[in-house]
Amino acid sequence: MKKVLVLGAGMVSRPLVRYLLDRGDLEVTVATRTVAKAERLLAGYKHGKAVALDANDTERVRELVARADLSVSLLPPSMHVAVAKYALEARRHFLTTSYVSPGLK
């Protein structure tokens, strides 16, 4: 089963997480500072997992990205470049909804 990491549990995450889990063939981890928020997103889905994350904890972010096949950063735009670098280091896929910044190029 492929693993998807969703970083952040804001308003944009809900439709994405539900779409991914409705497929039935993906394991989705939602990492956010407020675990209860992620747990509400995942309610009723057996392949969903909520984990606590301080997005400034670079080693923890790096570890989570390395474990996933795809990381989706819904964090503030200033954090996307770091997450993209961790994905490149781990040879994993990366996706963000933000515009391409010079740093992402």
PDB file of N, CA and C in Angstrom:
ATOM      1  N   MET A   1       0.853  -1.177   0.000  1.00  0.00           N
ATOM      2  CA  MET A   1       0.000   0.000   0.000  1.00  0.00           C
ATOM      3  C   MET A   1       0.898   1.239   0.000  1.00  0.00           C
ATOM      4  N   LYS A   2       0.651   2.159  -0.908  1.00  0.00           N
ATOM      5  CA  LYS A   2       1.416   3.406  -0.990  1.00  0.00           C
ATOM      6  C   LYS A   2       1.080   4.305   0.195  1.00  0.00           C
ATOM      7  N   LYS A   3       2.086   5.068   0.625  1.00  0.00           N
ATOM      8  CA  LYS A   3       1.936   5.947   1.780  1.00  0.00           C
ATOM      9  C   LYS A   3       1.995   7.407   1.362  1.00  0.00           C
ATOM     10  N   VAL A   4       0.986   8.171   1.801  1.00  0.00           N
ATOM     11  CA  VAL A   4       0.921   9.599   1.515  1.00  0.00           C
ATOM     12  C   VAL A   4       0.985  10.348   2.841  1.00  0.00           C
ATOM     13  N   LEU A   5       1.859  11.326   2.904  1.00  0.00           N
ATOM     14  CA  LEU A   5       1.986  12.197   4.066  1.00  0.00           C
ATOM     15  C   LEU A   5       1.381  13.545   3.715  1.00  0.00           C
ATOM     16  N   VAL A   6       0.433  13.998   4.515  1.00  0.00           N
ATOM     17  CA  VAL A   6      -0.152  15.324   4.339  1.00  0.00           C
ATOM     18  C   VAL A   6       0.322  16.158   5.522  1.00  0.00           C
ATOM     19  N   LEU A   7       1.085  17.196   5.222  1.00  0.00           N
ATOM     20  CA  LEU A   7       1.609  18.088   6.251  1.00  0.00           C
ATOM     21  C   LEU A   7       0.662  19.263   6.406  1.00  0.00           C
ATOM     22  N   GLY A   8      -0.058  19.286   7.518  1.00  0.00           N
ATOM     23  CA  GLY A   8      -1.018  20.342   7.777  1.00  0.00           C
ATOM     24  C   GLY A   8      -2.441  19.819   7.721  1.00  0.00           C
ATOM     25  N   ALA A   9      -3.295  20.381   8.565  1.00  0.00           N
ATOM     26  CA  ALA A   9      -4.693  19.937   8.620  1.00  0.00           C
ATOM     27  C   ALA A   9      -5.643  21.125   8.552  1.00  0.00           C
ATOM     28  N   GLY A  10      -5.281  22.116   7.766  1.00  0.00           N
ATOM     29  CA  GLY A  10      -6.135  23.286   7.592  1.00  0.00           C
ATOM     30  C   GLY A  10      -7.309  22.986   6.670  1.00  0.00           C
ATOM     31  N   MET A  11      -7.996  24.029   6.246  1.00  0.00           N
ATOM     32  CA  MET A  11      -9.210  23.886   5.441  1.00  0.00           C
ATOM     33  C   MET A  11      -8.994  23.146   4.124  1.00  0.00           C
ATOM     34  N   VAL A  12      -7.861  23.341   3.503  1.00  0.00           N
ATOM     35  CA  VAL A  12      -7.587  22.709   2.207  1.00  0.00           C
ATOM     36  C   VAL A  12      -7.366  21.207   2.353  1.00  0.00           C
ATOM     37  N   SER A  13      -6.936  20.779   3.522  1.00  0.00           N
ATOM     38  CA  SER A  13      -6.585  19.368   3.699  1.00  0.00           C
ATOM     39  C   SER A  13      -7.792  18.431   3.677  1.00  0.00           C
ATOM     40  N   ARG A  14      -8.915  18.880   4.166  1.00  0.00           N
ATOM     41  CA  ARG A  14     -10.089  17.993   4.281  1.00  0.00           C
ATOM     42  C   ARG A  14     -10.481  17.336   2.946  1.00  0.00           C
ATOM     43  N   PRO A  15     -10.734  18.095   1.889  1.00  0.00           N
ATOM     44  CA  PRO A  15     -11.125  17.421   0.633  1.00  0.00           C
ATOM     45  C   PRO A  15     -10.011  16.528   0.083  1.00  0.00           C
ATOM     46  N   LEU A  16      -8.775  16.932   0.246  1.00  0.00           N
ATOM     47  CA  LEU A  16      -7.661  16.114  -0.240  1.00  0.00           C
ATOM     48  C   LEU A  16      -7.594  14.793   0.510  1.00  0.00           C
ATOM     49  N   VAL A  17      -7.619  14.872   1.824  1.00  0.00           N
ATOM     50  CA  VAL A  17      -7.510  13.669   2.647  1.00  0.00           C
ATOM     51  C   VAL A  17      -8.674  12.724   2.372  1.00  0.00           C
ATOM     52  N   ARG A  18      -9.868  13.241   2.292  1.00  0.00           N
ATOM     53  CA  ARG A  18     -11.041  12.393   2.016  1.00  0.00           C
ATOM     54  C   ARG A  18     -10.933  11.756   0.628  1.00  0.00           C
ATOM     55  N   TYR A  19     -10.494  12.530  -0.351  1.00  0.00           N
ATOM     56  CA  TYR A  19     -10.321  11.990  -1.705  1.00  0.00           C
ATOM     57  C   TYR A  19      -9.321  10.826  -1.701  1.00  0.00           C
ATOM     58  N   LEU A  20      -8.203  11.034  -1.059  1.00  0.00           N
ATOM     59  CA  LEU A  20      -7.168   9.997  -1.029  1.00  0.00           C
ATOM     60  C   LEU A  20      -7.644   8.741  -0.299  1.00  0.00           C
ATOM     61  N   LEU A  21      -8.304   8.925   0.838  1.00  0.00           N
ATOM     62  CA  LEU A  21      -8.756   7.773   1.612  1.00  0.00           C
ATOM     63  C   LEU A  21      -9.930   7.056   0.956  1.00  0.00           C
ATOM     64  N   ASP A  22     -10.763   7.776   0.238  1.00  0.00           N
ATOM     65  CA  ASP A  22     -11.890   7.143  -0.450  1.00  0.00           C
ATOM     66  C   ASP A  22     -11.425   6.182  -1.537  1.00  0.00           C
ATOM     67  N   ARG A  23     -10.209   6.365  -2.010  1.00  0.00           N
ATOM     68  CA  ARG A  23      -9.665   5.441  -3.012  1.00  0.00           C
ATOM     69  C   ARG A  23      -9.562   4.025  -2.447  1.00  0.00           C
ATOM     70  N   GLY A  24      -9.201   3.940  -1.165  1.00  0.00           N
ATOM     71  CA  GLY A  24      -9.104   2.643  -0.508  1.00  0.00           C
ATOM     72  C   GLY A  24      -7.782   1.924  -0.668  1.00  0.00           C
ATOM     73  N   ASP A  25      -6.870   2.471  -1.444  1.00  0.00           N
ATOM     74  CA  ASP A  25      -5.600   1.778  -1.677  1.00  0.00           C
ATOM     75  C   ASP A  25      -4.385   2.568  -1.191  1.00  0.00           C
ATOM     76  N   LEU A  26      -4.636   3.569  -0.355  1.00  0.00           N
ATOM     77  CA  LEU A  26      -3.541   4.408   0.147  1.00  0.00           C
ATOM     78  C   LEU A  26      -3.588   4.496   1.667  1.00  0.00           C
ATOM     79  N   GLU A  27      -2.421   4.578   2.262  1.00  0.00           N
ATOM     80  CA  GLU A  27      -2.312   4.864   3.686  1.00  0.00           C
ATOM     81  C   GLU A  27      -1.977   6.348   3.795  1.00  0.00           C
ATOM     82  N   VAL A  28      -2.807   7.102   4.514  1.00  0.00           N
ATOM     83  CA  VAL A  28      -2.635   8.554   4.597  1.00  0.00           C
ATOM     84  C   VAL A  28      -2.327   8.952   6.035  1.00  0.00           C
ATOM     85  N   THR A  29      -1.201   9.626   6.202  1.00  0.00           N
ATOM     86  CA  THR A  29      -0.818  10.170   7.505  1.00  0.00           C
ATOM     87  C   THR A  29      -0.973  11.676   7.441  1.00  0.00           C
ATOM     88  N   VAL A  30      -1.711  12.237   8.389  1.00  0.00           N
ATOM     89  CA  VAL A  30      -1.862  13.684   8.496  1.00  0.00           C
ATOM     90  C   VAL A  30      -1.035  14.130   9.690  1.00  0.00           C
ATOM     91  N   ALA A  31      -0.041  14.953   9.420  1.00  0.00           N
ATOM     92  CA  ALA A  31       0.852  15.452  10.467  1.00  0.00           C
ATOM     93  C   ALA A  31       0.569  16.932  10.683  1.00  0.00           C
ATOM     94  N   THR A  32       0.244  17.276  11.909  1.00  0.00           N
ATOM     95  CA  THR A  32      -0.120  18.650  12.226  1.00  0.00           C
ATOM     96  C   THR A  32       0.123  18.920  13.700  1.00  0.00           C
ATOM     97  N   ARG A  33       0.146  20.182  14.045  1.00  0.00           N
ATOM     98  CA  ARG A  33       0.424  20.515  15.444  1.00  0.00           C
ATOM     99  C   ARG A  33      -0.755  20.161  16.344  1.00  0.00           C
ATOM    100  N   THR A  34      -1.977  20.161  15.813  1.00  0.00           N
ATOM    101  CA  THR A  34      -3.159  19.834  16.603  1.00  0.00           C
ATOM    102  C   THR A  34      -3.694  18.471  16.149  1.00  0.00           C
ATOM    103  N   VAL A  35      -3.312  17.428  16.869  1.00  0.00           N
ATOM    104  CA  VAL A  35      -3.669  16.064  16.467  1.00  0.00           C
ATOM    105  C   VAL A  35      -5.178  15.861  16.434  1.00  0.00           C
ATOM    106  N   ALA A  36      -5.907  16.470  17.356  1.00  0.00           N
ATOM    107  CA  ALA A  36      -7.367  16.303  17.387  1.00  0.00           C
ATOM    108  C   ALA A  36      -7.999  16.750  16.073  1.00  0.00           C
ATOM    109  N   LYS A  37      -7.454  17.784  15.480  1.00  0.00           N
ATOM    110  CA  LYS A  37      -7.967  18.273  14.196  1.00  0.00           C
ATOM    111  C   LYS A  37      -7.760  17.218  13.101  1.00  0.00           C
ATOM    112  N   ALA A  38      -6.582  16.615  13.082  1.00  0.00           N
ATOM    113  CA  ALA A  38      -6.293  15.567  12.099  1.00  0.00           C
ATOM    114  C   ALA A  38      -7.156  14.343  12.352  1.00  0.00           C
ATOM    115  N   GLU A  39      -7.374  14.002  13.610  1.00  0.00           N
ATOM    116  CA  GLU A  39      -8.203  12.844  13.935  1.00  0.00           C
ATOM    117  C   GLU A  39      -9.634  13.037  13.441  1.00  0.00           C
ATOM    118  N   ARG A  40     -10.151  14.247  13.527  1.00  0.00           N
ATOM    119  CA  ARG A  40     -11.496  14.516  13.007  1.00  0.00           C
ATOM    120  C   ARG A  40     -11.542  14.320  11.493  1.00  0.00           C
ATOM    121  N   LEU A  41     -10.488  14.725  10.804  1.00  0.00           N
ATOM    122  CA  LEU A  41     -10.430  14.528   9.347  1.00  0.00           C
ATOM    123  C   LEU A  41     -10.452  13.052   8.973  1.00  0.00           C
ATOM    124  N   LEU A  42      -9.845  12.240   9.817  1.00  0.00           N
ATOM    125  CA  LEU A  42      -9.651  10.826   9.516  1.00  0.00           C
ATOM    126  C   LEU A  42     -10.733   9.921  10.092  1.00  0.00           C
ATOM    127  N   ALA A  43     -11.680  10.478  10.807  1.00  0.00           N
ATOM    128  CA  ALA A  43     -12.712   9.679  11.471  1.00  0.00           C
ATOM    129  C   ALA A  43     -13.404   8.750  10.479  1.00  0.00           C
ATOM    130  N   GLY A  44     -13.462   7.482  10.841  1.00  0.00           N
ATOM    131  CA  GLY A  44     -14.146   6.498  10.003  1.00  0.00           C
ATOM    132  C   GLY A  44     -13.285   5.854   8.932  1.00  0.00           C
ATOM    133  N   TYR A  45     -12.057   6.261   8.805  1.00  0.00           N
ATOM    134  CA  TYR A  45     -11.159   5.699   7.790  1.00  0.00           C
ATOM    135  C   TYR A  45     -10.096   4.828   8.466  1.00  0.00           C
ATOM    136  N   LYS A  46     -10.034   3.568   8.083  1.00  0.00           N
ATOM    137  CA  LYS A  46      -9.084   2.662   8.725  1.00  0.00           C
ATOM    138  C   LYS A  46      -7.649   2.853   8.238  1.00  0.00           C
ATOM    139  N   HIS A  47      -7.455   3.482   7.084  1.00  0.00           N
ATOM    140  CA  HIS A  47      -6.096   3.663   6.561  1.00  0.00           C
ATOM    141  C   HIS A  47      -5.555   5.072   6.802  1.00  0.00           C
ATOM    142  N   GLY A  48      -6.156   5.777   7.755  1.00  0.00           N
ATOM    143  CA  GLY A  48      -5.698   7.117   8.096  1.00  0.00           C
ATOM    144  C   GLY A  48      -5.031   7.131   9.452  1.00  0.00           C
ATOM    145  N   LYS A  49      -4.027   7.979   9.580  1.00  0.00           N
ATOM    146  CA  LYS A  49      -3.280   8.080  10.836  1.00  0.00           C
ATOM    147  C   LYS A  49      -2.977   9.545  11.098  1.00  0.00           C
ATOM    148  N   ALA A  50      -3.178   9.980  12.334  1.00  0.00           N
ATOM    149  CA  ALA A  50      -2.870  11.352  12.738  1.00  0.00           C
ATOM    150  C   ALA A  50      -1.626  11.337  13.614  1.00  0.00           C
ATOM    151  N   VAL A  51      -0.700  12.260  13.336  1.00  0.00           N
ATOM    152  CA  VAL A  51       0.495  12.374  14.173  1.00  0.00           C
ATOM    153  C   VAL A  51       0.751  13.843  14.507  1.00  0.00           C
ATOM    154  N   ALA A  52       1.297  14.047  15.694  1.00  0.00           N
ATOM    155  CA  ALA A  52       1.649  15.402  16.128  1.00  0.00           C
ATOM    156  C   ALA A  52       2.937  15.823  15.428  1.00  0.00           C
ATOM    157  N   LEU A  53       2.977  17.083  15.026  1.00  0.00           N
ATOM    158  CA  LEU A  53       4.176  17.586  14.361  1.00  0.00           C
ATOM    159  C   LEU A  53       4.353  19.073  14.620  1.00  0.00           C
ATOM    160  N   ASP A  54       5.528  19.411  15.080  1.00  0.00           N
ATOM    161  CA  ASP A  54       5.969  20.802  15.114  1.00  0.00           C
ATOM    162  C   ASP A  54       6.730  20.981  13.809  1.00  0.00           C
ATOM    163  N   ALA A  55       6.191  21.733  12.893  1.00  0.00           N
ATOM    164  CA  ALA A  55       6.797  21.869  11.561  1.00  0.00           C
ATOM    165  C   ALA A  55       8.196  22.467  11.606  1.00  0.00           C
ATOM    166  N   ASN A  56       8.580  23.060  12.721  1.00  0.00           N
ATOM    167  CA  ASN A  56       9.939  23.589  12.863  1.00  0.00           C
ATOM    168  C   ASN A  56      10.932  22.521  13.310  1.00  0.00           C
ATOM    169  N   ASP A  57      10.452  21.335  13.632  1.00  0.00           N
ATOM    170  CA  ASP A  57      11.316  20.216  14.016  1.00  0.00           C
ATOM    171  C   ASP A  57      11.805  19.544  12.734  1.00  0.00           C
ATOM    172  N   THR A  58      12.887  20.042  12.200  1.00  0.00           N
ATOM    173  CA  THR A  58      13.360  19.604  10.885  1.00  0.00           C
ATOM    174  C   THR A  58      13.658  18.109  10.825  1.00  0.00           C
ATOM    175  N   GLU A  59      14.198  17.551  11.884  1.00  0.00           N
ATOM    176  CA  GLU A  59      14.514  16.124  11.859  1.00  0.00           C
ATOM    177  C   GLU A  59      13.253  15.276  11.796  1.00  0.00           C
ATOM    178  N   ARG A  60      12.223  15.681  12.509  1.00  0.00           N
ATOM    179  CA  ARG A  60      10.954  14.939  12.493  1.00  0.00           C
ATOM    180  C   ARG A  60      10.290  15.060  11.112  1.00  0.00           C
ATOM    181  N   VAL A  61      10.301  16.245  10.533  1.00  0.00           N
ATOM    182  CA  VAL A  61       9.734  16.423   9.190  1.00  0.00           C
ATOM    183  C   VAL A  61      10.509  15.559   8.202  1.00  0.00           C
ATOM    184  N   ARG A  62      11.810  15.598   8.279  1.00  0.00           N
ATOM    185  CA  ARG A  62      12.659  14.807   7.379  1.00  0.00           C
ATOM    186  C   ARG A  62      12.338  13.313   7.513  1.00  0.00           C
ATOM    187  N   GLU A  63      12.168  12.852   8.731  1.00  0.00           N
ATOM    188  CA  GLU A  63      11.859  11.440   8.996  1.00  0.00           C
ATOM    189  C   GLU A  63      10.510  11.048   8.395  1.00  0.00           C
ATOM    190  N   LEU A  64       9.493  11.873   8.596  1.00  0.00           N
ATOM    191  CA  LEU A  64       8.167  11.569   8.057  1.00  0.00           C
ATOM    192  C   LEU A  64       8.172  11.566   6.532  1.00  0.00           C
ATOM    193  N   VAL A  65       8.856  12.518   5.932  1.00  0.00           N
ATOM    194  CA  VAL A  65       8.941  12.591   4.466  1.00  0.00           C
ATOM    195  C   VAL A  65       9.649  11.347   3.916  1.00  0.00           C
ATOM    196  N   ALA A  66      10.696  10.907   4.577  1.00  0.00           N
ATOM    197  CA  ALA A  66      11.451   9.735   4.111  1.00  0.00           C
ATOM    198  C   ALA A  66      10.614   8.462   4.156  1.00  0.00           C
ATOM    199  N   ARG A  67       9.648   8.387   5.049  1.00  0.00           N
ATOM    200  CA  ARG A  67       8.796   7.198   5.175  1.00  0.00           C
ATOM    201  C   ARG A  67       7.656   7.159   4.163  1.00  0.00           C
ATOM    202  N   ALA A  68       7.347   8.286   3.553  1.00  0.00           N
ATOM    203  CA  ALA A  68       6.196   8.375   2.646  1.00  0.00           C
ATOM    204  C   ALA A  68       6.625   8.229   1.188  1.00  0.00           C
ATOM    205  N   ASP A  69       5.712   7.744   0.373  1.00  0.00           N
ATOM    206  CA  ASP A  69       5.957   7.711  -1.072  1.00  0.00           C
ATOM    207  C   ASP A  69       5.712   9.085  -1.679  1.00  0.00           C
ATOM    208  N   LEU A  70       4.763   9.821  -1.090  1.00  0.00           N
ATOM    209  CA  LEU A  70       4.418  11.164  -1.541  1.00  0.00           C
ATOM    210  C   LEU A  70       4.180  12.041  -0.329  1.00  0.00           C
ATOM    211  N   SER A  71       4.782  13.220  -0.315  1.00  0.00           N
ATOM    212  CA  SER A  71       4.523  14.208   0.733  1.00  0.00           C
ATOM    213  C   SER A  71       3.815  15.398   0.111  1.00  0.00           C
ATOM    214  N   VAL A  72       2.707  15.797   0.741  1.00  0.00           N
ATOM    215  CA  VAL A  72       1.937  16.946   0.295  1.00  0.00           C
ATOM    216  C   VAL A  72       2.076  18.022   1.358  1.00  0.00           C
ATOM    217  N   SER A  73       2.711  19.117   1.010  1.00  0.00           N
ATOM    218  CA  SER A  73       2.906  20.190   1.969  1.00  0.00           C
ATOM    219  C   SER A  73       1.787  21.210   1.863  1.00  0.00           C
ATOM    220  N   LEU A  74       0.989  21.266   2.926  1.00  0.00           N
ATOM    221  CA  LEU A  74      -0.048  22.289   3.055  1.00  0.00           C
ATOM    222  C   LEU A  74       0.339  23.235   4.182  1.00  0.00           C
ATOM    223  N   LEU A  75       1.617  23.280   4.447  1.00  0.00           N
ATOM    224  CA  LEU A  75       2.181  24.177   5.454  1.00  0.00           C
ATOM    225  C   LEU A  75       2.269  25.588   4.871  1.00  0.00           C
ATOM    226  N   PRO A  76       2.643  26.564   5.687  1.00  0.00           N
ATOM    227  CA  PRO A  76       2.848  27.906   5.134  1.00  0.00           C
ATOM    228  C   PRO A  76       3.896  27.869   4.005  1.00  0.00           C
ATOM    229  N   PRO A  77       3.727  28.702   2.996  1.00  0.00           N
ATOM    230  CA  PRO A  77       4.629  28.692   1.835  1.00  0.00           C
ATOM    231  C   PRO A  77       6.114  28.793   2.185  1.00  0.00           C
ATOM    232  N   SER A  78       6.442  29.472   3.251  1.00  0.00           N
ATOM    233  CA  SER A  78       7.858  29.616   3.614  1.00  0.00           C
ATOM    234  C   SER A  78       8.501  28.288   3.995  1.00  0.00           C
ATOM    235  N   MET A  79       7.707  27.259   4.223  1.00  0.00           N
ATOM    236  CA  MET A  79       8.251  25.953   4.635  1.00  0.00           C
ATOM    237  C   MET A  79       8.359  24.962   3.479  1.00  0.00           C
ATOM    238  N   HIS A  80       7.794  25.287   2.333  1.00  0.00           N
ATOM    239  CA  HIS A  80       7.765  24.336   1.223  1.00  0.00           C
ATOM    240  C   HIS A  80       9.150  23.970   0.701  1.00  0.00           C
ATOM    241  N   VAL A  81      10.037  24.908   0.631  1.00  0.00           N
ATOM    242  CA  VAL A  81      11.367  24.627   0.078  1.00  0.00           C
ATOM    243  C   VAL A  81      12.082  23.581   0.931  1.00  0.00           C
ATOM    244  N   ALA A  82      12.012  23.719   2.246  1.00  0.00           N
ATOM    245  CA  ALA A  82      12.668  22.751   3.130  1.00  0.00           C
ATOM    246  C   ALA A  82      12.069  21.361   2.933  1.00  0.00           C
ATOM    247  N   VAL A  83      10.746  21.270   2.881  1.00  0.00           N
ATOM    248  CA  VAL A  83      10.101  19.967   2.709  1.00  0.00           C
ATOM    249  C   VAL A  83      10.478  19.373   1.346  1.00  0.00           C
ATOM    250  N   ALA A  84      10.525  20.192   0.314  1.00  0.00           N
ATOM    251  CA  ALA A  84      10.924  19.716  -1.012  1.00  0.00           C
ATOM    252  C   ALA A  84      12.351  19.169  -0.981  1.00  0.00           C
ATOM    253  N   LYS A  85      13.236  19.834  -0.265  1.00  0.00           N
ATOM    254  CA  LYS A  85      14.624  19.356  -0.154  1.00  0.00           C
ATOM    255  C   LYS A  85      14.680  18.007   0.542  1.00  0.00           C
ATOM    256  N   TYR A  86      13.880  17.832   1.599  1.00  0.00           N
ATOM    257  CA  TYR A  86      13.864  16.542   2.300  1.00  0.00           C
ATOM    258  C   TYR A  86      13.353  15.440   1.371  1.00  0.00           C
ATOM    259  N   ALA A  87      12.360  15.763   0.562  1.00  0.00           N
ATOM    260  CA  ALA A  87      11.837  14.781  -0.390  1.00  0.00           C
ATOM    261  C   ALA A  87      12.902  14.412  -1.423  1.00  0.00           C
ATOM    262  N   LEU A  88      13.621  15.405  -1.907  1.00  0.00           N
ATOM    263  CA  LEU A  88      14.698  15.123  -2.868  1.00  0.00           C
ATOM    264  C   LEU A  88      15.781  14.245  -2.239  1.00  0.00           C
ATOM    265  N   GLU A  89      16.156  14.565  -1.006  1.00  0.00           N
ATOM    266  CA  GLU A  89      17.170  13.768  -0.299  1.00  0.00           C
ATOM    267  C   GLU A  89      16.744  12.307  -0.192  1.00  0.00           C
ATOM    268  N   ALA A  90      15.456  12.094   0.099  1.00  0.00           N
ATOM    269  CA  ALA A  90      14.941  10.745   0.301  1.00  0.00           C
ATOM    270  C   ALA A  90      14.473  10.090  -0.999  1.00  0.00           C
ATOM    271  N   ARG A  91      14.573  10.840  -2.107  1.00  0.00           N
ATOM    272  CA  ARG A  91      14.130  10.345  -3.409  1.00  0.00           C
ATOM    273  C   ARG A  91      12.649   9.972  -3.378  1.00  0.00           C
ATOM    274  N   ARG A  92      11.865  10.896  -2.824  1.00  0.00           N
ATOM    275  CA  ARG A  92      10.418  10.732  -2.700  1.00  0.00           C
ATOM    276  C   ARG A  92       9.706  11.823  -3.486  1.00  0.00           C
ATOM    277  N   HIS A  93       8.450  11.608  -3.784  1.00  0.00           N
ATOM    278  CA  HIS A  93       7.648  12.593  -4.507  1.00  0.00           C
ATOM    279  C   HIS A  93       7.182  13.688  -3.558  1.00  0.00           C
ATOM    280  N   PHE A  94       6.989  14.878  -4.109  1.00  0.00           N
ATOM    281  CA  PHE A  94       6.586  16.054  -3.338  1.00  0.00           C
ATOM    282  C   PHE A  94       5.536  16.833  -4.116  1.00  0.00           C
ATOM    283  N   LEU A  95       4.550  17.377  -3.388  1.00  0.00           N
ATOM    284  CA  LEU A  95       3.493  18.162  -4.002  1.00  0.00           C
ATOM    285  C   LEU A  95       3.114  19.289  -3.055  1.00  0.00           C
ATOM    286  N   THR A  96       2.841  20.449  -3.623  1.00  0.00           N
ATOM    287  CA  THR A  96       2.323  21.554  -2.843  1.00  0.00           C
ATOM    288  C   THR A  96       1.291  22.294  -3.683  1.00  0.00           C
ATOM    289  N   THR A  97       0.410  22.999  -3.000  1.00  0.00           N
ATOM    290  CA  THR A  97      -0.612  23.763  -3.706  1.00  0.00           C
ATOM    291  C   THR A  97      -0.169  25.184  -3.973  1.00  0.00           C
ATOM    292  N   SER A  98       1.007  25.548  -3.496  1.00  0.00           N
ATOM    293  CA  SER A  98       1.487  26.922  -3.644  1.00  0.00           C
ATOM    294  C   SER A  98       2.060  27.174  -5.037  1.00  0.00           C
ATOM    295  N   TYR A  99       2.161  28.451  -5.344  1.00  0.00           N
ATOM    296  CA  TYR A  99       2.827  28.852  -6.577  1.00  0.00           C
ATOM    297  C   TYR A  99       4.297  28.501  -6.494  1.00  0.00           C
ATOM    298  N   VAL A 100       4.926  28.343  -7.631  1.00  0.00           N
ATOM    299  CA  VAL A 100       6.343  28.002  -7.666  1.00  0.00           C
ATOM    300  C   VAL A 100       7.139  29.265  -7.314  1.00  0.00           C
ATOM    301  N   SER A 101       7.899  29.147  -6.248  1.00  0.00           N
ATOM    302  CA  SER A 101       8.751  30.252  -5.816  1.00  0.00           C
ATOM    303  C   SER A 101      10.137  30.059  -6.402  1.00  0.00           C
ATOM    304  N   PRO A 102      10.982  31.067  -6.356  1.00  0.00           N
ATOM    305  CA  PRO A 102      12.360  30.882  -6.833  1.00  0.00           C
ATOM    306  C   PRO A 102      13.069  29.722  -6.107  1.00  0.00           C
ATOM    307  N   GLY A 103      12.804  29.581  -4.817  1.00  0.00           N
ATOM    308  CA  GLY A 103      13.427  28.501  -4.048  1.00  0.00           C
ATOM    309  C   GLY A 103      12.987  27.123  -4.503  1.00  0.00           C
ATOM    310  N   LEU A 104      11.754  26.977  -4.900  1.00  0.00           N
ATOM    311  CA  LEU A 104      11.271  25.680  -5.393  1.00  0.00           C
ATOM    312  C   LEU A 104      11.804  25.363  -6.781  1.00  0.00           C
ATOM    313  N   LYS A 105      12.066  26.384  -7.552  1.00  0.00           N
ATOM    314  CA  LYS A 105      12.630  26.146  -8.885  1.00  0.00           C
ATOM    315  C   LYS A 105      13.981  25.496  -8.754  1.00  0.00           C
TER     316      LYS A 105
END
